[in-house]
Amino acid sequence: MLVPFGLNKQIPKELPKTKNRSIFLLSAPSTIDAATPTLSVIMCVHRAHPWLLEAIDSVLDQHDSDFEFLIAANACSDELWQQLQDHVGKDPRAQLFRSEIGQLSFNLNMLVDRASSDYVVRMDSDDVCDPQRIQKLRHAIAVSQPDIIGSFVSIIDEYGCTVGKMELPINGAEIVKALPRRTVFCHPSVAIRRQFLIEMRGYLGGFASEDTDLWLRAKRAGAKMQNLPEPLLRYRVHSTQSIGSRAGYPEVAGLWLREFFLSPSAFTGQGLAISLFKAIFASWLPGARRYKDRK
């Protein structure tokens, strides 16, 4: 069951209202305008948590406010659905969708399908956007028109304190070279050209590795990829997120096995060997902790 939420709800008086927001509505583009690429921010959430409204407001309060904001509430409680309606219902940029399927890939694909813009901008429900994130992404996209573009991110803890920094390979050659060994994109930092993602048939699954699957298929397709060398997202590290789950390591090993069978080479063999090592020794790997204290 998919339930779209209308845009005519009123914010209850007891909730604080954000001031000085300029509101724009986007129409579906026919072609990409290199000067002003249009953007759709997409976010999925399936449970209430202390950082949700901060994440939403960091999107709505962007300096560049010309975008649409699509939120999927998947397998959520009625209380969370009401909270979302109350908080964003008055903002015409926001569209809410409710799904009974609690899987990230499915809900991301649903939002990509409903997006009307040239690029979809990922956002997680526990992170915080830099106020100039949309502005800087739009400028970089207009200049280089990439298929996938991400950025460095600041690492924050449960209390919002900066505890580290995630620096990533910057250009396409560096990203491909690093792909077998390390994280090459922070998924909630990326913007993806919508038509490219449709041609790739969207996200294909996995409970903790849908992003790695997409990067591998994008590399195979010759995608134009880059990262901006400045933190445009504050990425929150806490005990309940999927990056800390051991389930992702065997999933990634399975993806590299697929790539090796499709195209046996030193590159795919290296990726398979490293991912198998990580799957076996996952309990001893630092995960997101390796980015802490990098400031």
C-alpha atoms as a PDB file:
ATOM      1  CA  MET A   1       0.000   0.000   0.000  1.00  0.00           C
ATOM      2  CA  LEU A   2       1.340   3.388  -1.013  1.00  0.00           C
ATOM      3  CA  VAL A   3      -0.283   6.481   0.420  1.00  0.00           C
ATOM      4  CA  PRO A   4       0.701   9.952  -0.836  1.00  0.00           C
ATOM      5  CA  PHE A   5       0.085  12.771   1.594  1.00  0.00           C
ATOM      6  CA  GLY A   6      -1.507  15.962   0.309  1.00  0.00           C
ATOM      7  CA  LEU A   7       0.160  19.319   0.742  1.00  0.00           C
ATOM      8  CA  ASN A   8      -2.616  21.316   2.357  1.00  0.00           C
ATOM      9  CA  LYS A   9      -2.146  20.313   5.998  1.00  0.00           C
ATOM     10  CA  GLN A  10      -1.595  23.010   8.592  1.00  0.00           C
ATOM     11  CA  ILE A  11       1.252  22.942  11.106  1.00  0.00           C
ATOM     12  CA  PRO A  12      -0.184  22.743  14.619  1.00  0.00           C
ATOM     13  CA  LYS A  13       0.291  25.858  16.737  1.00  0.00           C
ATOM     14  CA  GLU A  14       2.413  24.074  19.319  1.00  0.00           C
ATOM     15  CA  LEU A  15       5.158  23.265  16.803  1.00  0.00           C
ATOM     16  CA  PRO A  16       7.784  25.954  16.077  1.00  0.00           C
ATOM     17  CA  LYS A  17       7.570  27.451  12.617  1.00  0.00           C
ATOM     18  CA  THR A  18      10.730  28.070  10.610  1.00  0.00           C
ATOM     19  CA  LYS A  19      11.043  31.679   9.493  1.00  0.00           C
ATOM     20  CA  ASN A  20      12.181  33.189   6.217  1.00  0.00           C
ATOM     21  CA  ARG A  21      11.844  30.160   3.987  1.00  0.00           C
ATOM     22  CA  SER A  22      11.469  30.941   0.295  1.00  0.00           C
ATOM     23  CA  ILE A  23       9.301  28.281  -1.316  1.00  0.00           C
ATOM     24  CA  PHE A  24       9.455  27.081  -4.926  1.00  0.00           C
ATOM     25  CA  LEU A  25       7.664  24.305  -6.738  1.00  0.00           C
ATOM     26  CA  LEU A  26       9.395  22.410  -9.538  1.00  0.00           C
ATOM     27  CA  SER A  27       7.864  21.108 -12.731  1.00  0.00           C
ATOM     28  CA  ALA A  28       9.141  17.993 -14.455  1.00  0.00           C
ATOM     29  CA  PRO A  29      12.043  18.907 -16.763  1.00  0.00           C
ATOM     30  CA  SER A  30      12.172  17.811 -20.394  1.00  0.00           C
ATOM     31  CA  THR A  31      15.957  18.175 -20.723  1.00  0.00           C
ATOM     32  CA  ILE A  32      18.807  18.973 -18.363  1.00  0.00           C
ATOM     33  CA  ASP A  33      19.612  22.666 -18.247  1.00  0.00           C
ATOM     34  CA  ALA A  34      23.342  22.779 -17.514  1.00  0.00           C
ATOM     35  CA  ALA A  35      23.012  26.268 -16.027  1.00  0.00           C
ATOM     36  CA  THR A  36      20.320  25.373 -13.494  1.00  0.00           C
ATOM     37  CA  PRO A  37      19.951  21.612 -12.941  1.00  0.00           C
ATOM     38  CA  THR A  38      16.858  20.776 -10.909  1.00  0.00           C
ATOM     39  CA  LEU A  39      17.153  18.734  -7.719  1.00  0.00           C
ATOM     40  CA  SER A  40      14.898  16.398  -5.732  1.00  0.00           C
ATOM     41  CA  VAL A  41      15.981  15.523  -2.195  1.00  0.00           C
ATOM     42  CA  ILE A  42      14.888  12.004  -1.202  1.00  0.00           C
ATOM     43  CA  MET A  43      14.830  10.607   2.330  1.00  0.00           C
ATOM     44  CA  CYS A  44      13.496   7.387   3.882  1.00  0.00           C
ATOM     45  CA  VAL A  45      12.548   6.858   7.506  1.00  0.00           C
ATOM     46  CA  HIS A  46      10.966   3.876   9.261  1.00  0.00           C
ATOM     47  CA  ARG A  47      11.052   4.761  12.948  1.00  0.00           C
ATOM     48  CA  ALA A  48      11.006   7.820  15.167  1.00  0.00           C
ATOM     49  CA  HIS A  49      14.314   8.890  16.680  1.00  0.00           C
ATOM     50  CA  PRO A  50      15.758  12.010  18.338  1.00  0.00           C
ATOM     51  CA  TRP A  51      17.453  13.385  15.202  1.00  0.00           C
ATOM     52  CA  LEU A  52      14.631  13.158  12.648  1.00  0.00           C
ATOM     53  CA  LEU A  53      13.271  16.706  12.793  1.00  0.00           C
ATOM     54  CA  GLU A  54      16.772  18.186  12.826  1.00  0.00           C
ATOM     55  CA  ALA A  55      17.562  16.260   9.621  1.00  0.00           C
ATOM     56  CA  ILE A  56      14.343  17.440   7.941  1.00  0.00           C
ATOM     57  CA  ASP A  57      14.879  21.068   8.952  1.00  0.00           C
ATOM     58  CA  SER A  58      18.472  21.017   7.691  1.00  0.00           C
ATOM     59  CA  VAL A  59      17.020  20.267   4.242  1.00  0.00           C
ATOM     60  CA  LEU A  60      14.143  22.746   4.359  1.00  0.00           C
ATOM     61  CA  ASP A  61      16.384  25.553   5.639  1.00  0.00           C
ATOM     62  CA  GLN A  62      18.908  25.387   2.791  1.00  0.00           C
ATOM     63  CA  HIS A  63      20.198  28.720   1.463  1.00  0.00           C
ATOM     64  CA  ASP A  64      19.214  27.543  -2.018  1.00  0.00           C
ATOM     65  CA  SER A  65      15.585  26.573  -1.498  1.00  0.00           C
ATOM     66  CA  ASP A  66      14.688  25.659  -5.093  1.00  0.00           C
ATOM     67  CA  PHE A  67      14.114  21.906  -4.811  1.00  0.00           C
ATOM     68  CA  GLU A  68      11.467  19.339  -3.986  1.00  0.00           C
ATOM     69  CA  PHE A  69      11.713  17.127  -0.902  1.00  0.00           C
ATOM     70  CA  LEU A  70      10.296  13.589  -1.064  1.00  0.00           C
ATOM     71  CA  ILE A  71      10.056  11.547   2.137  1.00  0.00           C
ATOM     72  CA  ALA A  72       9.102   7.863   2.324  1.00  0.00           C
ATOM     73  CA  ALA A  73       7.833   6.561   5.655  1.00  0.00           C
ATOM     74  CA  ASN A  74       8.264   2.806   5.368  1.00  0.00           C
ATOM     75  CA  ALA A  75       6.704   0.265   7.724  1.00  0.00           C
ATOM     76  CA  CYS A  76       6.269   3.111  10.182  1.00  0.00           C
ATOM     77  CA  SER A  77       3.924   3.651  13.089  1.00  0.00           C
ATOM     78  CA  ASP A  78       0.839   5.851  12.858  1.00  0.00           C
ATOM     79  CA  GLU A  79       2.489   8.165  15.392  1.00  0.00           C
ATOM     80  CA  LEU A  80       5.521   8.723  13.142  1.00  0.00           C
ATOM     81  CA  TRP A  81       3.283   9.291  10.111  1.00  0.00           C
ATOM     82  CA  GLN A  82       1.344  11.942  12.030  1.00  0.00           C
ATOM     83  CA  GLN A  83       4.569  13.570  13.212  1.00  0.00           C
ATOM     84  CA  LEU A  84       5.776  13.888   9.628  1.00  0.00           C
ATOM     85  CA  GLN A  85       2.444  15.321   8.473  1.00  0.00           C
ATOM     86  CA  ASP A  86       2.500  17.874  11.265  1.00  0.00           C
ATOM     87  CA  HIS A  87       6.079  18.951  10.667  1.00  0.00           C
ATOM     88  CA  VAL A  88       6.289  19.311   6.883  1.00  0.00           C
ATOM     89  CA  GLY A  89       2.649  19.469   5.835  1.00  0.00           C
ATOM     90  CA  LYS A  90       2.616  23.226   5.228  1.00  0.00           C
ATOM     91  CA  ASP A  91       5.754  23.311   3.058  1.00  0.00           C
ATOM     92  CA  PRO A  92       4.779  22.922  -0.622  1.00  0.00           C
ATOM     93  CA  ARG A  93       8.210  21.517  -1.487  1.00  0.00           C
ATOM     94  CA  ALA A  94       7.542  18.461   0.674  1.00  0.00           C
ATOM     95  CA  GLN A  95       5.742  15.289  -0.406  1.00  0.00           C
ATOM     96  CA  LEU A  96       5.134  12.375   1.940  1.00  0.00           C
ATOM     97  CA  PHE A  97       4.634   8.743   0.899  1.00  0.00           C
ATOM     98  CA  ARG A  98       3.809   5.795   3.112  1.00  0.00           C
ATOM     99  CA  SER A  99       4.791   2.225   2.284  1.00  0.00           C
ATOM    100  CA  GLU A 100       4.254  -1.036   4.160  1.00  0.00           C
ATOM    101  CA  ILE A 101       7.508  -2.480   2.790  1.00  0.00           C
ATOM    102  CA  GLY A 102      10.322  -1.781   5.233  1.00  0.00           C
ATOM    103  CA  GLN A 103      13.242  -2.044   2.829  1.00  0.00           C
ATOM    104  CA  LEU A 104      15.464   0.881   1.899  1.00  0.00           C
ATOM    105  CA  SER A 105      16.063  -0.098  -1.748  1.00  0.00           C
ATOM    106  CA  PHE A 106      12.350  -0.411  -2.491  1.00  0.00           C
ATOM    107  CA  ASN A 107      11.530   2.950  -0.964  1.00  0.00           C
ATOM    108  CA  LEU A 108      14.447   4.743  -2.616  1.00  0.00           C
ATOM    109  CA  ASN A 109      13.284   3.410  -5.985  1.00  0.00           C
ATOM    110  CA  MET A 110       9.754   4.570  -5.227  1.00  0.00           C
ATOM    111  CA  LEU A 111      10.990   8.111  -4.549  1.00  0.00           C
ATOM    112  CA  VAL A 112      13.257   8.152  -7.603  1.00  0.00           C
ATOM    113  CA  ASP A 113      10.265   7.134  -9.716  1.00  0.00           C
ATOM    114  CA  ARG A 114       8.196  10.025  -8.340  1.00  0.00           C
ATOM    115  CA  ALA A 115      10.948  12.649  -8.469  1.00  0.00           C
ATOM    116  CA  SER A 116      10.515  15.317 -11.130  1.00  0.00           C
ATOM    117  CA  SER A 117      14.058  16.676 -11.286  1.00  0.00           C
ATOM    118  CA  ASP A 118      17.292  16.094 -13.165  1.00  0.00           C
ATOM    119  CA  TYR A 119      19.148  14.836 -10.078  1.00  0.00           C
ATOM    120  CA  VAL A 120      18.094  13.067  -6.892  1.00  0.00           C
ATOM    121  CA  VAL A 121      19.951  14.108  -3.741  1.00  0.00           C
ATOM    122  CA  ARG A 122      20.210  11.477  -1.009  1.00  0.00           C
ATOM    123  CA  MET A 123      19.584  12.307   2.610  1.00  0.00           C
ATOM    124  CA  ASP A 124      19.408  10.086   5.691  1.00  0.00           C
ATOM    125  CA  SER A 125      16.977  10.805   8.480  1.00  0.00           C
ATOM    126  CA  ASP A 126      19.655  11.087  11.181  1.00  0.00           C
ATOM    127  CA  ASP A 127      22.189  13.313   9.383  1.00  0.00           C
ATOM    128  CA  VAL A 128      22.480  17.091   9.022  1.00  0.00           C
ATOM    129  CA  CYS A 129      22.974  19.042   5.782  1.00  0.00           C
ATOM    130  CA  ASP A 130      25.398  21.919   5.580  1.00  0.00           C
ATOM    131  CA  PRO A 131      23.244  25.022   4.874  1.00  0.00           C
ATOM    132  CA  GLN A 132      24.966  25.447   1.473  1.00  0.00           C
ATOM    133  CA  ARG A 133      24.800  21.799   0.430  1.00  0.00           C
ATOM    134  CA  ILE A 134      22.163  22.238  -2.280  1.00  0.00           C
ATOM    135  CA  GLN A 135      23.758  25.425  -3.589  1.00  0.00           C
ATOM    136  CA  LYS A 136      27.213  23.852  -3.913  1.00  0.00           C
ATOM    137  CA  LEU A 137      25.907  20.612  -5.389  1.00  0.00           C
ATOM    138  CA  ARG A 138      23.886  22.499  -7.981  1.00  0.00           C
ATOM    139  CA  HIS A 139      26.925  24.546  -9.000  1.00  0.00           C
ATOM    140  CA  ALA A 140      29.185  21.489  -9.266  1.00  0.00           C
ATOM    141  CA  ILE A 141      26.572  19.574 -11.270  1.00  0.00           C
ATOM    142  CA  ALA A 142      26.166  22.495 -13.681  1.00  0.00           C
ATOM    143  CA  VAL A 143      29.925  22.541 -14.252  1.00  0.00           C
ATOM    144  CA  SER A 144      30.657  18.821 -14.719  1.00  0.00           C
ATOM    145  CA  GLN A 145      27.263  17.094 -15.202  1.00  0.00           C
ATOM    146  CA  PRO A 146      28.344  13.881 -13.433  1.00  0.00           C
ATOM    147  CA  ASP A 147      26.314  10.704 -13.113  1.00  0.00           C
ATOM    148  CA  ILE A 148      27.167  10.446  -9.391  1.00  0.00           C
ATOM    149  CA  ILE A 149      28.601  13.198  -7.203  1.00  0.00           C
ATOM    150  CA  GLY A 150      29.265  13.047  -3.468  1.00  0.00           C
ATOM    151  CA  SER A 151      31.319  15.001  -0.977  1.00  0.00           C
ATOM    152  CA  PHE A 152      33.503  14.684   2.067  1.00  0.00           C
ATOM    153  CA  VAL A 153      31.492  14.482   5.310  1.00  0.00           C
ATOM    154  CA  SER A 154      32.015  15.500   8.917  1.00  0.00           C
ATOM    155  CA  ILE A 155      31.430  12.729  11.460  1.00  0.00           C
ATOM    156  CA  ILE A 156      29.201  13.657  14.389  1.00  0.00           C
ATOM    157  CA  ASP A 157      28.131  11.675  17.433  1.00  0.00           C
ATOM    158  CA  GLU A 158      24.732  11.193  19.031  1.00  0.00           C
ATOM    159  CA  TYR A 159      24.973  14.664  20.583  1.00  0.00           C
ATOM    160  CA  GLY A 160      25.891  16.491  17.362  1.00  0.00           C
ATOM    161  CA  CYS A 161      29.547  16.989  18.313  1.00  0.00           C
ATOM    162  CA  THR A 162      32.068  16.701  15.479  1.00  0.00           C
ATOM    163  CA  VAL A 163      34.321  13.717  16.153  1.00  0.00           C
ATOM    164  CA  GLY A 164      35.982  13.127  12.787  1.00  0.00           C
ATOM    165  CA  LYS A 165      35.987  13.561   9.034  1.00  0.00           C
ATOM    166  CA  MET A 166      35.492  11.186   6.100  1.00  0.00           C
ATOM    167  CA  GLU A 167      37.755  12.109   3.196  1.00  0.00           C
ATOM    168  CA  LEU A 168      37.057  10.236  -0.034  1.00  0.00           C
ATOM    169  CA  PRO A 169      38.684   9.826  -3.467  1.00  0.00           C
ATOM    170  CA  ILE A 170      37.875  12.890  -5.555  1.00  0.00           C
ATOM    171  CA  ASN A 171      37.957  12.125  -9.278  1.00  0.00           C
ATOM    172  CA  GLY A 172      36.671   9.189 -11.293  1.00  0.00           C
ATOM    173  CA  ALA A 173      40.044   7.465 -11.680  1.00  0.00           C
ATOM    174  CA  GLU A 174      40.723   7.657  -7.939  1.00  0.00           C
ATOM    175  CA  ILE A 175      37.227   6.363  -7.132  1.00  0.00           C
ATOM    176  CA  VAL A 176      37.585   3.335  -9.420  1.00  0.00           C
ATOM    177  CA  LYS A 177      41.085   2.552  -8.104  1.00  0.00           C
ATOM    178  CA  ALA A 178      39.906   2.691  -4.483  1.00  0.00           C
ATOM    179  CA  LEU A 179      36.652   0.755  -5.035  1.00  0.00           C
ATOM    180  CA  PRO A 180      38.028  -2.719  -4.155  1.00  0.00           C
ATOM    181  CA  ARG A 181      39.621  -1.499  -0.929  1.00  0.00           C
ATOM    182  CA  ARG A 182      37.493   1.146   0.772  1.00  0.00           C
ATOM    183  CA  THR A 183      34.379   3.316   0.875  1.00  0.00           C
ATOM    184  CA  VAL A 184      34.351   5.596  -2.177  1.00  0.00           C
ATOM    185  CA  PHE A 185      31.089   7.475  -1.512  1.00  0.00           C
ATOM    186  CA  CYS A 186      29.221   8.319   1.661  1.00  0.00           C
ATOM    187  CA  HIS A 187      25.790   7.310   0.374  1.00  0.00           C
ATOM    188  CA  PRO A 188      23.692  10.059   2.047  1.00  0.00           C
ATOM    189  CA  SER A 189      26.069  12.678   0.620  1.00  0.00           C
ATOM    190  CA  VAL A 190      25.502  11.837  -3.046  1.00  0.00           C
ATOM    191  CA  ALA A 191      23.426  13.297  -5.843  1.00  0.00           C
ATOM    192  CA  ILE A 192      22.681  10.969  -8.763  1.00  0.00           C
ATOM    193  CA  ARG A 193      21.511  11.874 -12.232  1.00  0.00           C
ATOM    194  CA  ARG A 194      17.961  10.533 -12.267  1.00  0.00           C
ATOM    195  CA  GLN A 195      17.975   9.264 -15.858  1.00  0.00           C
ATOM    196  CA  PHE A 196      21.238   7.421 -15.221  1.00  0.00           C
ATOM    197  CA  LEU A 197      19.734   5.742 -12.158  1.00  0.00           C
ATOM    198  CA  ILE A 198      16.668   4.731 -14.176  1.00  0.00           C
ATOM    199  CA  GLU A 199      18.892   3.290 -16.906  1.00  0.00           C
ATOM    200  CA  MET A 200      20.722   1.325 -14.190  1.00  0.00           C
ATOM    201  CA  ARG A 201      17.295  -0.041 -13.126  1.00  0.00           C
ATOM    202  CA  GLY A 202      17.537   1.685  -9.781  1.00  0.00           C
ATOM    203  CA  TYR A 203      18.675   0.154  -6.529  1.00  0.00           C
ATOM    204  CA  LEU A 204      18.691  -3.628  -6.708  1.00  0.00           C
ATOM    205  CA  GLY A 205      18.541  -4.720  -3.101  1.00  0.00           C
ATOM    206  CA  GLY A 206      20.558  -5.724  -0.092  1.00  0.00           C
ATOM    207  CA  PHE A 207      19.718  -4.795   3.469  1.00  0.00           C
ATOM    208  CA  ALA A 208      23.013  -2.999   4.118  1.00  0.00           C
ATOM    209  CA  SER A 209      24.855  -2.752   0.789  1.00  0.00           C
ATOM    210  CA  GLU A 210      22.504  -1.256  -1.800  1.00  0.00           C
ATOM    211  CA  ASP A 211      24.972   1.595  -2.263  1.00  0.00           C
ATOM    212  CA  THR A 212      28.008  -0.621  -2.959  1.00  0.00           C
ATOM    213  CA  ASP A 213      25.948  -2.583  -5.472  1.00  0.00           C
ATOM    214  CA  LEU A 214      25.139   0.660  -7.300  1.00  0.00           C
ATOM    215  CA  TRP A 215      28.776   1.866  -7.299  1.00  0.00           C
ATOM    216  CA  LEU A 216      29.924  -1.457  -8.772  1.00  0.00           C
ATOM    217  CA  ARG A 217      27.307  -1.417 -11.513  1.00  0.00           C
ATOM    218  CA  ALA A 218      28.028   2.269 -12.186  1.00  0.00           C
ATOM    219  CA  LYS A 219      31.728   1.512 -12.610  1.00  0.00           C
ATOM    220  CA  ARG A 220      30.889  -1.313 -15.012  1.00  0.00           C
ATOM    221  CA  ALA A 221      28.692   1.099 -17.012  1.00  0.00           C
ATOM    222  CA  GLY A 222      31.456   3.721 -17.260  1.00  0.00           C
ATOM    223  CA  ALA A 223      29.694   6.284 -15.074  1.00  0.00           C
ATOM    224  CA  LYS A 224      31.145   9.744 -14.545  1.00  0.00           C
ATOM    225  CA  MET A 225      31.791   9.953 -10.797  1.00  0.00           C
ATOM    226  CA  GLN A 226      33.339  12.487  -8.425  1.00  0.00           C
ATOM    227  CA  ASN A 227      33.449  13.741  -4.844  1.00  0.00           C
ATOM    228  CA  LEU A 228      33.654  17.360  -3.759  1.00  0.00           C
ATOM    229  CA  PRO A 229      36.633  17.844  -1.394  1.00  0.00           C
ATOM    230  CA  GLU A 230      34.669  19.647   1.305  1.00  0.00           C
ATOM    231  CA  PRO A 231      32.197  18.362   3.900  1.00  0.00           C
ATOM    232  CA  LEU A 232      28.623  19.168   2.835  1.00  0.00           C
ATOM    233  CA  LEU A 233      26.985  16.714   5.249  1.00  0.00           C
ATOM    234  CA  ARG A 234      27.309  15.974   8.938  1.00  0.00           C
ATOM    235  CA  TYR A 235      27.149  12.168   9.081  1.00  0.00           C
ATOM    236  CA  ARG A 236      25.925  10.835  12.405  1.00  0.00           C
ATOM    237  CA  VAL A 237      27.545   7.741  13.897  1.00  0.00           C
ATOM    238  CA  HIS A 238      25.485   5.875  16.502  1.00  0.00           C
ATOM    239  CA  SER A 239      24.912   2.334  17.683  1.00  0.00           C
ATOM    240  CA  THR A 240      21.752   1.508  15.666  1.00  0.00           C
ATOM    241  CA  GLN A 241      22.868   2.407  12.118  1.00  0.00           C
ATOM    242  CA  SER A 242      23.553  -0.141   9.377  1.00  0.00           C
ATOM    243  CA  ILE A 243      27.182   0.894   8.897  1.00  0.00           C
ATOM    244  CA  GLY A 244      27.911  -0.844  12.172  1.00  0.00           C
ATOM    245  CA  SER A 245      26.168  -4.059  11.120  1.00  0.00           C
ATOM    246  CA  ARG A 246      28.171  -7.162  10.223  1.00  0.00           C
ATOM    247  CA  ALA A 247      25.490  -8.102   7.675  1.00  0.00           C
ATOM    248  CA  GLY A 248      26.903  -5.668   5.131  1.00  0.00           C
ATOM    249  CA  TYR A 249      30.254  -7.441   4.775  1.00  0.00           C
ATOM    250  CA  PRO A 250      29.010 -10.777   3.380  1.00  0.00           C
ATOM    251  CA  GLU A 251      26.574  -8.893   1.152  1.00  0.00           C
ATOM    252  CA  VAL A 252      29.468  -6.913  -0.330  1.00  0.00           C
ATOM    253  CA  ALA A 253      31.495 -10.112  -0.764  1.00  0.00           C
ATOM    254  CA  GLY A 254      28.590 -11.562  -2.747  1.00  0.00           C
ATOM    255  CA  LEU A 255      28.513  -8.476  -4.960  1.00  0.00           C
ATOM    256  CA  TRP A 256      32.223  -8.745  -5.700  1.00  0.00           C
ATOM    257  CA  LEU A 257      31.755 -12.444  -6.496  1.00  0.00           C
ATOM    258  CA  ARG A 258      29.154 -11.409  -9.059  1.00  0.00           C
ATOM    259  CA  GLU A 259      31.534  -8.867 -10.564  1.00  0.00           C
ATOM    260  CA  PHE A 260      34.333 -11.446 -10.719  1.00  0.00           C
ATOM    261  CA  PHE A 261      32.173 -13.950 -12.597  1.00  0.00           C
ATOM    262  CA  LEU A 262      30.917 -11.259 -14.967  1.00  0.00           C
ATOM    263  CA  SER A 263      34.409  -9.912 -15.652  1.00  0.00           C
ATOM    264  CA  PRO A 264      37.308 -11.961 -14.250  1.00  0.00           C
ATOM    265  CA  SER A 265      40.300  -9.665 -13.768  1.00  0.00           C
ATOM    266  CA  ALA A 266      42.921  -8.577 -11.268  1.00  0.00           C
ATOM    267  CA  PHE A 267      40.603  -5.695 -10.317  1.00  0.00           C
ATOM    268  CA  THR A 268      37.545  -7.831  -9.527  1.00  0.00           C
ATOM    269  CA  GLY A 269      39.751 -10.526  -7.976  1.00  0.00           C
ATOM    270  CA  GLN A 270      41.243  -7.959  -5.620  1.00  0.00           C
ATOM    271  CA  GLY A 271      37.789  -6.744  -4.671  1.00  0.00           C
ATOM    272  CA  LEU A 272      36.584 -10.294  -4.039  1.00  0.00           C
ATOM    273  CA  ALA A 273      39.611 -11.206  -1.910  1.00  0.00           C
ATOM    274  CA  ILE A 274      39.438  -8.054   0.214  1.00  0.00           C
ATOM    275  CA  SER A 275      35.659  -8.290   0.705  1.00  0.00           C
ATOM    276  CA  LEU A 276      35.914 -11.961   1.762  1.00  0.00           C
ATOM    277  CA  PHE A 277      38.616 -11.026   4.273  1.00  0.00           C
ATOM    278  CA  LYS A 278      36.400  -8.284   5.687  1.00  0.00           C
ATOM    279  CA  ALA A 279      33.391 -10.631   5.881  1.00  0.00           C
ATOM    280  CA  ILE A 280      35.393 -13.206   7.859  1.00  0.00           C
ATOM    281  CA  PHE A 281      37.029 -10.731  10.216  1.00  0.00           C
ATOM    282  CA  ALA A 282      34.149  -8.224  10.464  1.00  0.00           C
ATOM    283  CA  SER A 283      34.120  -8.295  14.263  1.00  0.00           C
ATOM    284  CA  TRP A 284      37.644  -6.904  14.404  1.00  0.00           C
ATOM    285  CA  LEU A 285      37.220  -4.170  11.786  1.00  0.00           C
ATOM    286  CA  PRO A 286      36.877  -0.544  12.949  1.00  0.00           C
ATOM    287  CA  GLY A 287      33.940   0.409  10.695  1.00  0.00           C
ATOM    288  CA  ALA A 288      33.071   4.093  10.988  1.00  0.00           C
ATOM    289  CA  ARG A 289      35.416   4.413  13.977  1.00  0.00           C
ATOM    290  CA  ARG A 290      38.358   4.692  11.556  1.00  0.00           C
ATOM    291  CA  TYR A 291      37.144   8.162  10.564  1.00  0.00           C
ATOM    292  CA  LYS A 292      37.028   9.524  14.112  1.00  0.00           C
ATOM    293  CA  ASP A 293      39.557  12.130  15.253  1.00  0.00           C
ATOM    294  CA  ARG A 294      40.176  13.206  11.629  1.00  0.00           C
ATOM    295  CA  LYS A 295      39.332  16.897  11.692  1.00  0.00           C
END
